[in-house]
């Protein structure tokens, strides 16, 4: 998986399933600096309303 997957993985951070969000975050971390540079701007808005876990 490479930088081309970043948009899809960012969208997955908003998934209602905790496991999907966790896997997407892990994959973004594996991609490295190209992905981690995008995380601060999308992290808070990506968390769905009412999600606690």
C-alpha atoms as a PDB file:
ATOM      1  CA  UNK A   1       0.000   0.000   0.000  1.00  0.00           C
ATOM      2  CA  UNK A   2       1.365   3.397  -0.897  1.00  0.00           C
ATOM      3  CA  UNK A   3       0.505   7.090  -1.049  1.00  0.00           C
ATOM      4  CA  UNK A   4      -2.219   6.434  -3.638  1.00  0.00           C
ATOM      5  CA  UNK A   5      -4.248   4.786  -0.876  1.00  0.00           C
ATOM      6  CA  UNK A   6      -4.189   7.856   1.405  1.00  0.00           C
ATOM      7  CA  UNK A   7      -7.558   9.340   0.290  1.00  0.00           C
ATOM      8  CA  UNK A   8      -9.336   6.004   0.762  1.00  0.00           C
ATOM      9  CA  UNK A   9      -7.707   5.431   4.135  1.00  0.00           C
ATOM     10  CA  UNK A  10      -8.659   8.931   5.293  1.00  0.00           C
ATOM     11  CA  UNK A  11     -12.269   8.208   4.375  1.00  0.00           C
ATOM     12  CA  UNK A  12     -12.044   4.942   6.333  1.00  0.00           C
ATOM     13  CA  UNK A  13     -11.163   6.949   9.467  1.00  0.00           C
ATOM     14  CA  UNK A  14     -14.815   8.052   9.501  1.00  0.00           C
ATOM     15  CA  UNK A  15     -16.188   4.499   9.334  1.00  0.00           C
ATOM     16  CA  UNK A  16     -18.660   3.581  12.057  1.00  0.00           C
ATOM     17  CA  UNK A  17     -16.722   0.408  12.866  1.00  0.00           C
ATOM     18  CA  UNK A  18     -13.863   0.879  15.295  1.00  0.00           C
ATOM     19  CA  UNK A  19     -11.850  -1.945  13.693  1.00  0.00           C
ATOM     20  CA  UNK A  20     -11.993  -0.270  10.286  1.00  0.00           C
ATOM     21  CA  UNK A  21     -10.869   3.072  11.747  1.00  0.00           C
ATOM     22  CA  UNK A  22      -8.046   1.331  13.630  1.00  0.00           C
ATOM     23  CA  UNK A  23      -6.858  -0.517  10.519  1.00  0.00           C
ATOM     24  CA  UNK A  24      -6.966   2.655   8.431  1.00  0.00           C
ATOM     25  CA  UNK A  25      -4.943   4.569  11.012  1.00  0.00           C
ATOM     26  CA  UNK A  26      -2.400   1.744  11.145  1.00  0.00           C
ATOM     27  CA  UNK A  27      -2.115   1.650   7.370  1.00  0.00           C
ATOM     28  CA  UNK A  28      -1.589   5.417   7.253  1.00  0.00           C
ATOM     29  CA  UNK A  29       1.196   4.992   9.794  1.00  0.00           C
ATOM     30  CA  UNK A  30       2.817   2.296   7.656  1.00  0.00           C
ATOM     31  CA  UNK A  31       2.806   4.591   4.624  1.00  0.00           C
ATOM     32  CA  UNK A  32       4.953   7.009   6.601  1.00  0.00           C
ATOM     33  CA  UNK A  33       5.566  10.747   6.395  1.00  0.00           C
ATOM     34  CA  UNK A  34       3.452  11.219   3.260  1.00  0.00           C
ATOM     35  CA  UNK A  35       0.416  10.041   5.226  1.00  0.00           C
ATOM     36  CA  UNK A  36       1.219  11.317   8.700  1.00  0.00           C
ATOM     37  CA  UNK A  37       1.480  14.870   7.372  1.00  0.00           C
ATOM     38  CA  UNK A  38      -2.230  14.688   6.435  1.00  0.00           C
ATOM     39  CA  UNK A  39      -3.496  13.385   9.766  1.00  0.00           C
ATOM     40  CA  UNK A  40      -3.599  16.558  11.931  1.00  0.00           C
ATOM     41  CA  UNK A  41      -5.989  18.286   9.541  1.00  0.00           C
ATOM     42  CA  UNK A  42      -8.428  15.405   9.161  1.00  0.00           C
ATOM     43  CA  UNK A  43      -8.382  13.592  12.478  1.00  0.00           C
ATOM     44  CA  UNK A  44     -10.987  15.546  14.482  1.00  0.00           C
ATOM     45  CA  UNK A  45     -13.495  16.060  11.614  1.00  0.00           C
ATOM     46  CA  UNK A  46     -13.260  12.377  10.674  1.00  0.00           C
ATOM     47  CA  UNK A  47     -14.642  11.097  13.975  1.00  0.00           C
ATOM     48  CA  UNK A  48     -18.381  10.467  13.474  1.00  0.00           C
ATOM     49  CA  UNK A  49     -20.791  12.071  15.893  1.00  0.00           C
ATOM     50  CA  UNK A  50     -21.658   9.799  18.779  1.00  0.00           C
ATOM     51  CA  UNK A  51     -18.668   7.479  18.305  1.00  0.00           C
ATOM     52  CA  UNK A  52     -17.016   6.735  21.609  1.00  0.00           C
ATOM     53  CA  UNK A  53     -14.793   3.721  20.979  1.00  0.00           C
END
